Amino acid sequence: MKSVRLVRLLAHLGLLALLLLVACKPSRDATPGSGSATAPKSTRVAVVVSTLNNPWFVVLAETARDRAKELGYEAAIFDSQNDPARESTHFDNLISAGYGAVLFNCTDAEGSVANVRRAKAAGIPVFCMDREIAANDAATSQILSDNYSGCVALGQYLVEQVGEEGTYVELLGIVADTNTWNRSKGFHSVVDRYPGLKMVAQQSAEFDRTKALEVLEAILQANPDIDAVFCGNDAMAMGAYQALLAAGKAEKVKVFGFDGADDVVRSIAEGKIVATGMQFPKIMARTAAENADKFFKGERTFPQRVPVTVELVTKDNVAKFGDYGRKP
């Protein structure tokens, strides 16, 4: 009797050991140490942009949303209104709501990193558009204009138009945005070679048209005889032009912008603005949406930064541009 019980006990122990062995065996589909390799829980796409108070960003956001929809996904736009706290709330909400990917235009290169990391920890890939975050291990990929080279070309054109002697004002964008400084550095890499070109004022107008008007009006009171204004984006270029027009100086002072906004392209054709850098927001937005599609379909290898060439737009080639890019 004891021997029968012993046989039964050994059989049970053997079965238990077999079950434990099967349970502990790693799945062939698992990827050790790689949370990003798991399939997303959802394929809804969130488009989070710094502001919709600028037509250029409206184009960026709507193109990203529309391309995601064309690819078969639900997509919604979230406006951060240039407020990092609001941006953080958007990320809280989209993570809780279970979005599958974020197409992102940040408010703050440093401050926005934490939001991207939280999304990554939740298994949500983030594809940055236009504005860079200051990290190489947070976003899945960053699709960015070549701001530095674009402003090298603008600096060269300013020297060509103004000459090697004169005075100018620089209107900076948002100081927490890396685009602001990449553009400024590219511009200064050229103009600083000419000692006769003097910068009489450098001030932030936060990429905003109304603020640019107000800032330049104040600068003109102390420096009424400037030759040029270099603006870190086209919204500020239009604000600067309005200030010069009100001061009766629009025909004398040359204004340079950056973005490729439609109103500035038209102003170049009309001889009001001298030049801008065309950034191609539609290309950046579509690329971000298409990368999200690739992620949903299993792709996991993306370049950390994808540069998009900026083209100089002047009176000589302005007919080739329009609708935030090159005409078909």
C-alpha atoms as a PDB file:
ATOM      1  CA  MET A   1       0.000   0.000   0.000  1.00  0.00           C
ATOM      2  CA  LYS A   2       2.823   2.375   0.922  1.00  0.00           C
ATOM      3  CA  SER A   3       4.536   1.672  -2.386  1.00  0.00           C
ATOM      4  CA  VAL A   4       1.375   2.608  -4.323  1.00  0.00           C
ATOM      5  CA  ARG A   5       1.084   5.894  -2.417  1.00  0.00           C
ATOM      6  CA  LEU A   6       4.753   6.610  -3.083  1.00  0.00           C
ATOM      7  CA  VAL A   7       4.289   6.023  -6.835  1.00  0.00           C
ATOM      8  CA  ARG A   8       1.278   8.352  -6.892  1.00  0.00           C
ATOM      9  CA  LEU A   9       3.187  11.050  -4.985  1.00  0.00           C
ATOM     10  CA  LEU A  10       6.118  10.863  -7.374  1.00  0.00           C
ATOM     11  CA  ALA A  11       3.767  11.095 -10.348  1.00  0.00           C
ATOM     12  CA  HIS A  12       2.128  14.227  -8.930  1.00  0.00           C
ATOM     13  CA  LEU A  13       5.513  15.785  -8.221  1.00  0.00           C
ATOM     14  CA  GLY A  14       6.631  15.048 -11.789  1.00  0.00           C
ATOM     15  CA  LEU A  15       3.504  16.647 -13.243  1.00  0.00           C
ATOM     16  CA  LEU A  16       3.991  19.732 -11.048  1.00  0.00           C
ATOM     17  CA  ALA A  17       7.596  20.055 -12.173  1.00  0.00           C
ATOM     18  CA  LEU A  18       6.520  19.812 -15.825  1.00  0.00           C
ATOM     19  CA  LEU A  19       3.885  22.536 -15.368  1.00  0.00           C
ATOM     20  CA  LEU A  20       6.427  24.810 -13.666  1.00  0.00           C
ATOM     21  CA  LEU A  21       8.893  24.242 -16.500  1.00  0.00           C
ATOM     22  CA  VAL A  22       6.317  25.205 -19.157  1.00  0.00           C
ATOM     23  CA  ALA A  23       5.204  28.293 -17.206  1.00  0.00           C
ATOM     24  CA  CYS A  24       8.752  29.564 -16.779  1.00  0.00           C
ATOM     25  CA  LYS A  25       9.788  29.008 -20.407  1.00  0.00           C
ATOM     26  CA  PRO A  26      10.152  32.380 -22.226  1.00  0.00           C
ATOM     27  CA  SER A  27       7.800  33.038 -25.130  1.00  0.00           C
ATOM     28  CA  ARG A  28       9.350  33.050 -28.576  1.00  0.00           C
ATOM     29  CA  ASP A  29       7.521  36.311 -29.266  1.00  0.00           C
ATOM     30  CA  ALA A  30       8.917  38.147 -26.250  1.00  0.00           C
ATOM     31  CA  THR A  31      11.683  40.670 -26.662  1.00  0.00           C
ATOM     32  CA  PRO A  32      13.653  40.769 -23.378  1.00  0.00           C
ATOM     33  CA  GLY A  33      14.221  44.272 -22.037  1.00  0.00           C
ATOM     34  CA  SER A  34      12.328  46.010 -24.849  1.00  0.00           C
ATOM     35  CA  GLY A  35       9.000  47.529 -23.837  1.00  0.00           C
ATOM     36  CA  SER A  36       8.850  49.474 -27.114  1.00  0.00           C
ATOM     37  CA  ALA A  37       8.681  46.208 -29.073  1.00  0.00           C
ATOM     38  CA  THR A  38       5.240  45.346 -27.717  1.00  0.00           C
ATOM     39  CA  ALA A  39       2.212  46.118 -29.843  1.00  0.00           C
ATOM     40  CA  PRO A  40       0.461  49.385 -28.959  1.00  0.00           C
ATOM     41  CA  LYS A  41      -2.777  49.023 -26.989  1.00  0.00           C
ATOM     42  CA  SER A  42      -4.515  51.522 -29.262  1.00  0.00           C
ATOM     43  CA  THR A  43      -4.034  53.052 -32.694  1.00  0.00           C
ATOM     44  CA  ARG A  44      -5.588  56.426 -31.906  1.00  0.00           C
ATOM     45  CA  VAL A  45      -3.263  59.323 -32.714  1.00  0.00           C
ATOM     46  CA  ALA A  46      -2.905  62.497 -30.630  1.00  0.00           C
ATOM     47  CA  VAL A  47      -1.546  65.614 -32.343  1.00  0.00           C
ATOM     48  CA  VAL A  48      -0.190  67.935 -29.646  1.00  0.00           C
ATOM     49  CA  VAL A  49       0.971  71.345 -30.896  1.00  0.00           C
ATOM     50  CA  SER A  50       2.459  74.364 -29.141  1.00  0.00           C
ATOM     51  CA  THR A  51      -0.211  76.791 -30.368  1.00  0.00           C
ATOM     52  CA  LEU A  52      -3.020  77.203 -32.865  1.00  0.00           C
ATOM     53  CA  ASN A  53      -2.682  80.987 -32.639  1.00  0.00           C
ATOM     54  CA  ASN A  54      -0.389  80.964 -35.656  1.00  0.00           C
ATOM     55  CA  PRO A  55      -1.523  79.801 -39.117  1.00  0.00           C
ATOM     56  CA  TRP A  56       1.763  77.964 -39.640  1.00  0.00           C
ATOM     57  CA  PHE A  57       1.094  75.670 -36.662  1.00  0.00           C
ATOM     58  CA  VAL A  58      -2.514  75.208 -37.743  1.00  0.00           C
ATOM     59  CA  VAL A  59      -1.192  73.831 -41.039  1.00  0.00           C
ATOM     60  CA  LEU A  60       1.267  71.580 -39.171  1.00  0.00           C
ATOM     61  CA  ALA A  61      -1.439  70.222 -36.848  1.00  0.00           C
ATOM     62  CA  GLU A  62      -4.176  69.762 -39.434  1.00  0.00           C
ATOM     63  CA  THR A  63      -1.840  68.121 -41.946  1.00  0.00           C
ATOM     64  CA  ALA A  64      -0.641  65.643 -39.294  1.00  0.00           C
ATOM     65  CA  ARG A  65      -4.209  64.853 -38.223  1.00  0.00           C
ATOM     66  CA  ASP A  66      -5.497  64.527 -41.780  1.00  0.00           C
ATOM     67  CA  ARG A  67      -2.638  62.272 -42.869  1.00  0.00           C
ATOM     68  CA  ALA A  68      -3.239  60.007 -39.861  1.00  0.00           C
ATOM     69  CA  LYS A  69      -6.907  59.787 -40.832  1.00  0.00           C
ATOM     70  CA  GLU A  70      -5.995  59.010 -44.441  1.00  0.00           C
ATOM     71  CA  LEU A  71      -3.949  56.105 -43.114  1.00  0.00           C
ATOM     72  CA  GLY A  72      -6.997  54.775 -41.279  1.00  0.00           C
ATOM     73  CA  TYR A  73      -6.572  56.048 -37.724  1.00  0.00           C
ATOM     74  CA  GLU A  74      -8.649  58.167 -35.367  1.00  0.00           C
ATOM     75  CA  ALA A  75      -6.812  61.431 -34.685  1.00  0.00           C
ATOM     76  CA  ALA A  76      -7.394  64.513 -32.529  1.00  0.00           C
ATOM     77  CA  ILE A  77      -5.579  67.833 -32.109  1.00  0.00           C
ATOM     78  CA  PHE A  78      -4.578  69.213 -28.677  1.00  0.00           C
ATOM     79  CA  ASP A  79      -3.609  72.909 -28.445  1.00  0.00           C
ATOM     80  CA  SER A  80      -1.064  73.706 -25.709  1.00  0.00           C
ATOM     81  CA  GLN A  81      -1.487  77.472 -26.219  1.00  0.00           C
ATOM     82  CA  ASN A  82       2.272  77.939 -25.653  1.00  0.00           C
ATOM     83  CA  ASP A  83       1.723  76.871 -22.022  1.00  0.00           C
ATOM     84  CA  PRO A  84       3.950  74.049 -20.685  1.00  0.00           C
ATOM     85  CA  ALA A  85       1.457  73.308 -17.888  1.00  0.00           C
ATOM     86  CA  ARG A  86      -1.366  72.855 -20.388  1.00  0.00           C
ATOM     87  CA  GLU A  87       0.899  70.634 -22.496  1.00  0.00           C
ATOM     88  CA  SER A  88       1.596  68.467 -19.452  1.00  0.00           C
ATOM     89  CA  THR A  89      -2.147  68.148 -18.819  1.00  0.00           C
ATOM     90  CA  HIS A  90      -2.646  67.056 -22.428  1.00  0.00           C
ATOM     91  CA  PHE A  91      -0.115  64.264 -21.915  1.00  0.00           C
ATOM     92  CA  ASP A  92      -1.824  63.174 -18.680  1.00  0.00           C
ATOM     93  CA  ASN A  93      -5.134  62.979 -20.511  1.00  0.00           C
ATOM     94  CA  LEU A  94      -3.930  61.205 -23.644  1.00  0.00           C
ATOM     95  CA  ILE A  95      -1.998  58.641 -21.594  1.00  0.00           C
ATOM     96  CA  SER A  96      -5.081  57.977 -19.451  1.00  0.00           C
ATOM     97  CA  ALA A  97      -7.266  57.799 -22.551  1.00  0.00           C
ATOM     98  CA  GLY A  98      -4.983  55.179 -24.075  1.00  0.00           C
ATOM     99  CA  TYR A  99      -3.802  56.906 -27.245  1.00  0.00           C
ATOM    100  CA  GLY A 100      -1.419  54.810 -29.324  1.00  0.00           C
ATOM    101  CA  ALA A 101       0.960  57.513 -30.643  1.00  0.00           C
ATOM    102  CA  VAL A 102       1.683  61.230 -30.283  1.00  0.00           C
ATOM    103  CA  LEU A 103       2.673  63.606 -33.086  1.00  0.00           C
ATOM    104  CA  PHE A 104       4.265  66.360 -31.046  1.00  0.00           C
ATOM    105  CA  ASN A 105       5.262  70.005 -31.402  1.00  0.00           C
ATOM    106  CA  CYS A 106       6.639  71.061 -28.022  1.00  0.00           C
ATOM    107  CA  THR A 107       6.394  74.249 -25.974  1.00  0.00           C
ATOM    108  CA  ASP A 108       9.780  73.933 -24.235  1.00  0.00           C
ATOM    109  CA  ALA A 109      12.843  72.017 -25.424  1.00  0.00           C
ATOM    110  CA  GLU A 110      13.924  71.121 -21.874  1.00  0.00           C
ATOM    111  CA  GLY A 111      10.626  71.114 -20.008  1.00  0.00           C
ATOM    112  CA  SER A 112       8.788  68.954 -22.531  1.00  0.00           C
ATOM    113  CA  VAL A 113      11.222  66.052 -22.155  1.00  0.00           C
ATOM    114  CA  ALA A 114       9.445  64.827 -19.002  1.00  0.00           C
ATOM    115  CA  ASN A 115       6.127  64.607 -20.883  1.00  0.00           C
ATOM    116  CA  VAL A 116       7.707  62.573 -23.675  1.00  0.00           C
ATOM    117  CA  ARG A 117       9.351  60.248 -21.162  1.00  0.00           C
ATOM    118  CA  ARG A 118       6.002  59.639 -19.427  1.00  0.00           C
ATOM    119  CA  ALA A 119       4.435  58.702 -22.745  1.00  0.00           C
ATOM    120  CA  LYS A 120       7.348  56.404 -23.538  1.00  0.00           C
ATOM    121  CA  ALA A 121       7.014  54.712 -20.138  1.00  0.00           C
ATOM    122  CA  ALA A 122       3.352  54.095 -20.964  1.00  0.00           C
ATOM    123  CA  GLY A 123       4.358  52.446 -24.242  1.00  0.00           C
ATOM    124  CA  ILE A 124       3.270  55.383 -26.406  1.00  0.00           C
ATOM    125  CA  PRO A 125       5.730  56.474 -29.130  1.00  0.00           C
ATOM    126  CA  VAL A 126       6.228  60.217 -29.635  1.00  0.00           C
ATOM    127  CA  PHE A 127       7.199  61.671 -33.015  1.00  0.00           C
ATOM    128  CA  CYS A 128       8.345  65.294 -32.719  1.00  0.00           C
ATOM    129  CA  MET A 129       7.550  67.743 -35.511  1.00  0.00           C
ATOM    130  CA  ASP A 130       9.419  70.997 -36.188  1.00  0.00           C
ATOM    131  CA  ARG A 131      10.390  71.737 -32.578  1.00  0.00           C
ATOM    132  CA  GLU A 132      13.154  69.715 -30.981  1.00  0.00           C
ATOM    133  CA  ILE A 133      13.244  68.331 -27.440  1.00  0.00           C
ATOM    134  CA  ALA A 134      16.590  68.323 -25.628  1.00  0.00           C
ATOM    135  CA  ALA A 135      17.017  64.556 -25.313  1.00  0.00           C
ATOM    136  CA  ASN A 136      18.181  61.745 -27.557  1.00  0.00           C
ATOM    137  CA  ASP A 137      16.475  58.860 -25.745  1.00  0.00           C
ATOM    138  CA  ALA A 138      12.898  60.021 -25.209  1.00  0.00           C
ATOM    139  CA  ALA A 139      11.133  60.616 -28.531  1.00  0.00           C
ATOM    140  CA  THR A 140      10.919  57.768 -31.023  1.00  0.00           C
ATOM    141  CA  SER A 141      11.995  60.184 -33.766  1.00  0.00           C
ATOM    142  CA  GLN A 142      12.235  63.948 -34.375  1.00  0.00           C
ATOM    143  CA  ILE A 143      11.431  65.443 -37.784  1.00  0.00           C
ATOM    144  CA  LEU A 144      13.066  68.870 -37.822  1.00  0.00           C
ATOM    145  CA  SER A 145      13.800  71.700 -40.226  1.00  0.00           C
ATOM    146  CA  ASP A 146      17.461  72.423 -40.851  1.00  0.00           C
ATOM    147  CA  ASN A 147      17.092  75.761 -39.075  1.00  0.00           C
ATOM    148  CA  TYR A 148      20.789  76.556 -38.857  1.00  0.00           C
ATOM    149  CA  SER A 149      21.518  76.128 -42.569  1.00  0.00           C
ATOM    150  CA  GLY A 150      18.315  77.933 -43.511  1.00  0.00           C
ATOM    151  CA  CYS A 151      19.402  80.983 -41.538  1.00  0.00           C
ATOM    152  CA  VAL A 152      22.919  80.841 -42.942  1.00  0.00           C
ATOM    153  CA  ALA A 153      21.278  81.412 -46.322  1.00  0.00           C
ATOM    154  CA  LEU A 154      19.181  84.258 -44.898  1.00  0.00           C
ATOM    155  CA  GLY A 155      22.276  85.860 -43.375  1.00  0.00           C
ATOM    156  CA  GLN A 156      24.052  85.694 -46.699  1.00  0.00           C
ATOM    157  CA  TYR A 157      21.077  87.239 -48.461  1.00  0.00           C
ATOM    158  CA  LEU A 158      20.848  90.030 -45.882  1.00  0.00           C
ATOM    159  CA  VAL A 159      24.482  90.929 -46.518  1.00  0.00           C
ATOM    160  CA  GLU A 160      23.792  90.881 -50.243  1.00  0.00           C
ATOM    161  CA  GLN A 161      20.783  93.181 -49.868  1.00  0.00           C
ATOM    162  CA  VAL A 162      22.001  95.537 -47.112  1.00  0.00           C
ATOM    163  CA  GLY A 163      25.713  95.537 -47.837  1.00  0.00           C
ATOM    164  CA  GLU A 164      28.664  95.039 -45.532  1.00  0.00           C
ATOM    165  CA  GLU A 165      27.849  98.110 -43.436  1.00  0.00           C
ATOM    166  CA  GLY A 166      24.631  99.052 -41.698  1.00  0.00           C
ATOM    167  CA  THR A 167      22.519  98.499 -38.581  1.00  0.00           C
ATOM    168  CA  TYR A 168      19.953  95.838 -37.886  1.00  0.00           C
ATOM    169  CA  VAL A 169      17.588  94.504 -35.207  1.00  0.00           C
ATOM    170  CA  GLU A 170      17.081  90.834 -34.399  1.00  0.00           C
ATOM    171  CA  LEU A 171      13.713  89.628 -33.081  1.00  0.00           C
ATOM    172  CA  LEU A 172      14.126  86.306 -31.325  1.00  0.00           C
ATOM    173  CA  GLY A 173      11.459  83.660 -30.842  1.00  0.00           C
ATOM    174  CA  ILE A 174      10.667  81.807 -27.605  1.00  0.00           C
ATOM    175  CA  VAL A 175      13.906  81.602 -25.627  1.00  0.00           C
ATOM    176  CA  ALA A 176      13.176  78.052 -24.398  1.00  0.00           C
ATOM    177  CA  ASP A 177      12.875  76.771 -27.977  1.00  0.00           C
ATOM    178  CA  THR A 178      16.018  75.350 -29.589  1.00  0.00           C
ATOM    179  CA  ASN A 179      14.762  76.592 -32.971  1.00  0.00           C
ATOM    180  CA  THR A 180      15.182  80.166 -31.713  1.00  0.00           C
ATOM    181  CA  TRP A 181      18.869  79.687 -31.055  1.00  0.00           C
ATOM    182  CA  ASN A 182      19.633  77.450 -34.041  1.00  0.00           C
ATOM    183  CA  ARG A 183      18.223  80.151 -36.303  1.00  0.00           C
ATOM    184  CA  SER A 184      20.047  82.939 -34.492  1.00  0.00           C
ATOM    185  CA  LYS A 185      23.337  81.035 -34.568  1.00  0.00           C
ATOM    186  CA  GLY A 186      23.023  80.275 -38.269  1.00  0.00           C
ATOM    187  CA  PHE A 187      22.297  83.934 -39.016  1.00  0.00           C
ATOM    188  CA  HIS A 188      25.164  85.229 -36.865  1.00  0.00           C
ATOM    189  CA  SER A 189      27.614  82.722 -38.331  1.00  0.00           C
ATOM    190  CA  VAL A 190      27.410  84.922 -41.431  1.00  0.00           C
ATOM    191  CA  VAL A 191      26.692  88.503 -40.370  1.00  0.00           C
ATOM    192  CA  ASP A 192      29.227  88.519 -37.526  1.00  0.00           C
ATOM    193  CA  ARG A 193      31.990  88.233 -40.120  1.00  0.00           C
ATOM    194  CA  TYR A 194      31.250  91.811 -41.175  1.00  0.00           C
ATOM    195  CA  PRO A 195      32.336  94.352 -38.528  1.00  0.00           C
ATOM    196  CA  GLY A 196      30.476  97.072 -40.384  1.00  0.00           C
ATOM    197  CA  LEU A 197      27.127  95.359 -39.739  1.00  0.00           C
ATOM    198  CA  LYS A 198      26.005  96.399 -36.262  1.00  0.00           C
ATOM    199  CA  MET A 199      23.198  94.787 -34.271  1.00  0.00           C
ATOM    200  CA  VAL A 200      21.599  97.646 -32.306  1.00  0.00           C
ATOM    201  CA  ALA A 201      19.011  95.485 -30.514  1.00  0.00           C
ATOM    202  CA  GLN A 202      18.212  91.809 -29.939  1.00  0.00           C
ATOM    203  CA  GLN A 203      14.945  91.018 -28.158  1.00  0.00           C
ATOM    204  CA  SER A 204      12.420  88.208 -27.919  1.00  0.00           C
ATOM    205  CA  ALA A 205       8.949  88.701 -29.362  1.00  0.00           C
ATOM    206  CA  GLU A 206       8.071  85.048 -28.638  1.00  0.00           C
ATOM    207  CA  PHE A 207       7.236  84.148 -32.247  1.00  0.00           C
ATOM    208  CA  ASP A 208       4.150  86.373 -31.919  1.00  0.00           C
ATOM    209  CA  ARG A 209       2.970  88.946 -34.462  1.00  0.00           C
ATOM    210  CA  THR A 210       1.455  91.423 -32.003  1.00  0.00           C
ATOM    211  CA  LYS A 211       4.430  91.242 -29.642  1.00  0.00           C
ATOM    212  CA  ALA A 212       6.802  91.801 -32.558  1.00  0.00           C
ATOM    213  CA  LEU A 213       4.916  94.959 -33.508  1.00  0.00           C
ATOM    214  CA  GLU A 214       5.114  96.253 -29.927  1.00  0.00           C
ATOM    215  CA  VAL A 215       8.767  95.304 -29.426  1.00  0.00           C
ATOM    216  CA  LEU A 216       9.924  96.891 -32.673  1.00  0.00           C
ATOM    217  CA  GLU A 217       7.920 100.052 -32.007  1.00  0.00           C
ATOM    218  CA  ALA A 218       9.821 100.456 -28.736  1.00  0.00           C
ATOM    219  CA  ILE A 219      13.180  99.673 -30.365  1.00  0.00           C
ATOM    220  CA  LEU A 220      12.570 102.230 -33.136  1.00  0.00           C
ATOM    221  CA  GLN A 221      12.195 104.996 -30.567  1.00  0.00           C
ATOM    222  CA  ALA A 222      15.836 104.509 -29.535  1.00  0.00           C
ATOM    223  CA  ASN A 223      17.095 103.397 -32.971  1.00  0.00           C
ATOM    224  CA  PRO A 224      15.094 105.211 -35.664  1.00  0.00           C
ATOM    225  CA  ASP A 225      17.577 104.716 -38.515  1.00  0.00           C
ATOM    226  CA  ILE A 226      18.015 100.955 -38.833  1.00  0.00           C
ATOM    227  CA  ASP A 227      18.543  99.229 -42.173  1.00  0.00           C
ATOM    228  CA  ALA A 228      17.096  95.765 -41.535  1.00  0.00           C
ATOM    229  CA  VAL A 229      15.148  93.506 -39.178  1.00  0.00           C
ATOM    230  CA  PHE A 230      15.888  89.788 -38.965  1.00  0.00           C
ATOM    231  CA  CYS A 231      12.953  87.877 -37.470  1.00  0.00           C
ATOM    232  CA  GLY A 232      13.056  84.323 -36.130  1.00  0.00           C
ATOM    233  CA  ASN A 233       9.700  83.521 -37.736  1.00  0.00           C
ATOM    234  CA  ASP A 234       7.228  84.924 -40.235  1.00  0.00           C
ATOM    235  CA  ALA A 235       4.607  85.969 -37.691  1.00  0.00           C
ATOM    236  CA  MET A 236       7.185  88.328 -36.183  1.00  0.00           C
ATOM    237  CA  ALA A 237       8.206  89.476 -39.663  1.00  0.00           C
ATOM    238  CA  MET A 238       4.636  90.570 -40.351  1.00  0.00           C
ATOM    239  CA  GLY A 239       4.451  92.319 -36.979  1.00  0.00           C
ATOM    240  CA  ALA A 240       7.752  94.062 -37.688  1.00  0.00           C
ATOM    241  CA  TYR A 241       6.500  95.194 -41.082  1.00  0.00           C
ATOM    242  CA  GLN A 242       3.362  96.664 -39.472  1.00  0.00           C
ATOM    243  CA  ALA A 243       5.512  98.599 -36.985  1.00  0.00           C
ATOM    244  CA  LEU A 244       7.677  99.958 -39.794  1.00  0.00           C
ATOM    245  CA  LEU A 245       4.622 100.864 -41.851  1.00  0.00           C
ATOM    246  CA  ALA A 246       3.153 102.810 -38.933  1.00  0.00           C
ATOM    247  CA  ALA A 247       6.481 104.605 -38.470  1.00  0.00           C
ATOM    248  CA  GLY A 248       6.744 105.487 -42.161  1.00  0.00           C
ATOM    249  CA  LYS A 249       9.858 103.338 -42.573  1.00  0.00           C
ATOM    250  CA  ALA A 250       8.516 100.298 -44.432  1.00  0.00           C
ATOM    251  CA  GLU A 251      10.143 101.255 -47.750  1.00  0.00           C
ATOM    252  CA  LYS A 252      13.540 101.937 -46.172  1.00  0.00           C
ATOM    253  CA  VAL A 253      13.983  99.027 -43.739  1.00  0.00           C
ATOM    254  CA  LYS A 254      14.396  95.487 -45.103  1.00  0.00           C
ATOM    255  CA  VAL A 255      12.552  92.708 -43.232  1.00  0.00           C
ATOM    256  CA  PHE A 256      13.616  89.043 -43.248  1.00  0.00           C
ATOM    257  CA  GLY A 257      11.491  86.213 -41.846  1.00  0.00           C
ATOM    258  CA  PHE A 258      11.560  82.448 -41.447  1.00  0.00           C
ATOM    259  CA  ASP A 259       8.806  79.805 -41.875  1.00  0.00           C
ATOM    260  CA  GLY A 260       7.337  80.106 -45.353  1.00  0.00           C
ATOM    261  CA  ALA A 261       3.915  81.337 -44.203  1.00  0.00           C
ATOM    262  CA  ASP A 262       1.539  82.238 -47.021  1.00  0.00           C
ATOM    263  CA  ASP A 263       1.105  85.889 -45.976  1.00  0.00           C
ATOM    264  CA  VAL A 264       4.858  86.435 -46.036  1.00  0.00           C
ATOM    265  CA  VAL A 265       5.247  84.652 -49.374  1.00  0.00           C
ATOM    266  CA  ARG A 266       2.628  87.031 -50.780  1.00  0.00           C
ATOM    267  CA  SER A 267       4.395  89.988 -49.134  1.00  0.00           C
ATOM    268  CA  ILE A 268       7.659  89.001 -50.797  1.00  0.00           C
ATOM    269  CA  ALA A 269       5.870  88.945 -54.156  1.00  0.00           C
ATOM    270  CA  GLU A 270       4.500  92.429 -53.373  1.00  0.00           C
ATOM    271  CA  GLY A 271       7.914  93.775 -52.370  1.00  0.00           C
ATOM    272  CA  LYS A 272       7.041  94.281 -48.683  1.00  0.00           C
ATOM    273  CA  ILE A 273       9.166  91.527 -47.112  1.00  0.00           C
ATOM    274  CA  VAL A 274      12.618  90.785 -48.552  1.00  0.00           C
ATOM    275  CA  ALA A 275      13.004  87.051 -47.865  1.00  0.00           C
ATOM    276  CA  THR A 276      12.006  84.075 -45.749  1.00  0.00           C
ATOM    277  CA  GLY A 277      13.082  80.475 -45.207  1.00  0.00           C
ATOM    278  CA  MET A 278      10.531  77.895 -46.381  1.00  0.00           C
ATOM    279  CA  GLN A 279      10.256  75.181 -43.727  1.00  0.00           C
ATOM    280  CA  PHE A 280       7.781  72.761 -45.372  1.00  0.00           C
ATOM    281  CA  PRO A 281       5.470  72.034 -42.405  1.00  0.00           C
ATOM    282  CA  LYS A 282       3.342  69.670 -44.482  1.00  0.00           C
ATOM    283  CA  ILE A 283       6.332  67.419 -45.171  1.00  0.00           C
ATOM    284  CA  MET A 284       7.210  67.269 -41.466  1.00  0.00           C
ATOM    285  CA  ALA A 285       3.612  66.572 -40.432  1.00  0.00           C
ATOM    286  CA  ARG A 286       3.046  63.851 -43.028  1.00  0.00           C
ATOM    287  CA  THR A 287       6.364  62.187 -42.169  1.00  0.00           C
ATOM    288  CA  ALA A 288       5.424  62.081 -38.483  1.00  0.00           C
ATOM    289  CA  ALA A 289       2.025  60.528 -39.250  1.00  0.00           C
ATOM    290  CA  GLU A 290       3.573  57.990 -41.631  1.00  0.00           C
ATOM    291  CA  ASN A 291       6.151  57.038 -38.995  1.00  0.00           C
ATOM    292  CA  ALA A 292       3.333  56.411 -36.510  1.00  0.00           C
ATOM    293  CA  ASP A 293       1.706  54.161 -39.117  1.00  0.00           C
ATOM    294  CA  LYS A 294       4.954  52.233 -39.496  1.00  0.00           C
ATOM    295  CA  PHE A 295       5.151  51.851 -35.707  1.00  0.00           C
ATOM    296  CA  PHE A 296       1.619  50.471 -35.528  1.00  0.00           C
ATOM    297  CA  LYS A 297       2.589  47.959 -38.216  1.00  0.00           C
ATOM    298  CA  GLY A 298       5.627  46.722 -36.296  1.00  0.00           C
ATOM    299  CA  GLU A 299       8.543  48.975 -37.286  1.00  0.00           C
ATOM    300  CA  ARG A 300      10.772  49.827 -34.322  1.00  0.00           C
ATOM    301  CA  THR A 301      13.891  51.337 -35.883  1.00  0.00           C
ATOM    302  CA  PHE A 302      13.670  55.067 -36.574  1.00  0.00           C
ATOM    303  CA  PRO A 303      16.402  57.711 -36.919  1.00  0.00           C
ATOM    304  CA  GLN A 304      16.481  59.975 -33.885  1.00  0.00           C
ATOM    305  CA  ARG A 305      16.546  63.117 -36.043  1.00  0.00           C
ATOM    306  CA  VAL A 306      15.298  63.564 -39.586  1.00  0.00           C
ATOM    307  CA  PRO A 307      16.430  66.901 -41.110  1.00  0.00           C
ATOM    308  CA  VAL A 308      14.159  68.657 -43.597  1.00  0.00           C
ATOM    309  CA  THR A 309      15.861  71.121 -45.948  1.00  0.00           C
ATOM    310  CA  VAL A 310      14.887  74.807 -45.729  1.00  0.00           C
ATOM    311  CA  GLU A 311      14.759  76.793 -48.977  1.00  0.00           C
ATOM    312  CA  LEU A 312      15.397  80.526 -49.331  1.00  0.00           C
ATOM    313  CA  VAL A 313      12.408  82.402 -50.784  1.00  0.00           C
ATOM    314  CA  THR A 314      13.112  85.771 -52.429  1.00  0.00           C
ATOM    315  CA  LYS A 315      11.567  88.000 -55.098  1.00  0.00           C
ATOM    316  CA  ASP A 316      13.532  86.020 -57.698  1.00  0.00           C
ATOM    317  CA  ASN A 317      11.909  82.646 -56.969  1.00  0.00           C
ATOM    318  CA  VAL A 318       8.754  83.494 -55.001  1.00  0.00           C
ATOM    319  CA  ALA A 319       6.500  82.417 -57.874  1.00  0.00           C
ATOM    320  CA  LYS A 320       7.551  78.815 -57.194  1.00  0.00           C
ATOM    321  CA  PHE A 321       6.189  78.821 -53.639  1.00  0.00           C
ATOM    322  CA  GLY A 322       2.786  78.885 -51.987  1.00  0.00           C
ATOM    323  CA  ASP A 323       0.438  76.912 -49.731  1.00  0.00           C
ATOM    324  CA  TYR A 324       3.279  76.280 -47.241  1.00  0.00           C
ATOM    325  CA  GLY A 325       5.611  74.639 -49.703  1.00  0.00           C
ATOM    326  CA  ARG A 326       6.604  74.482 -53.353  1.00  0.00           C
ATOM    327  CA  LYS A 327       3.817  74.814 -55.866  1.00  0.00           C
ATOM    328  CA  PRO A 328       3.058  71.607 -57.821  1.00  0.00           C
END
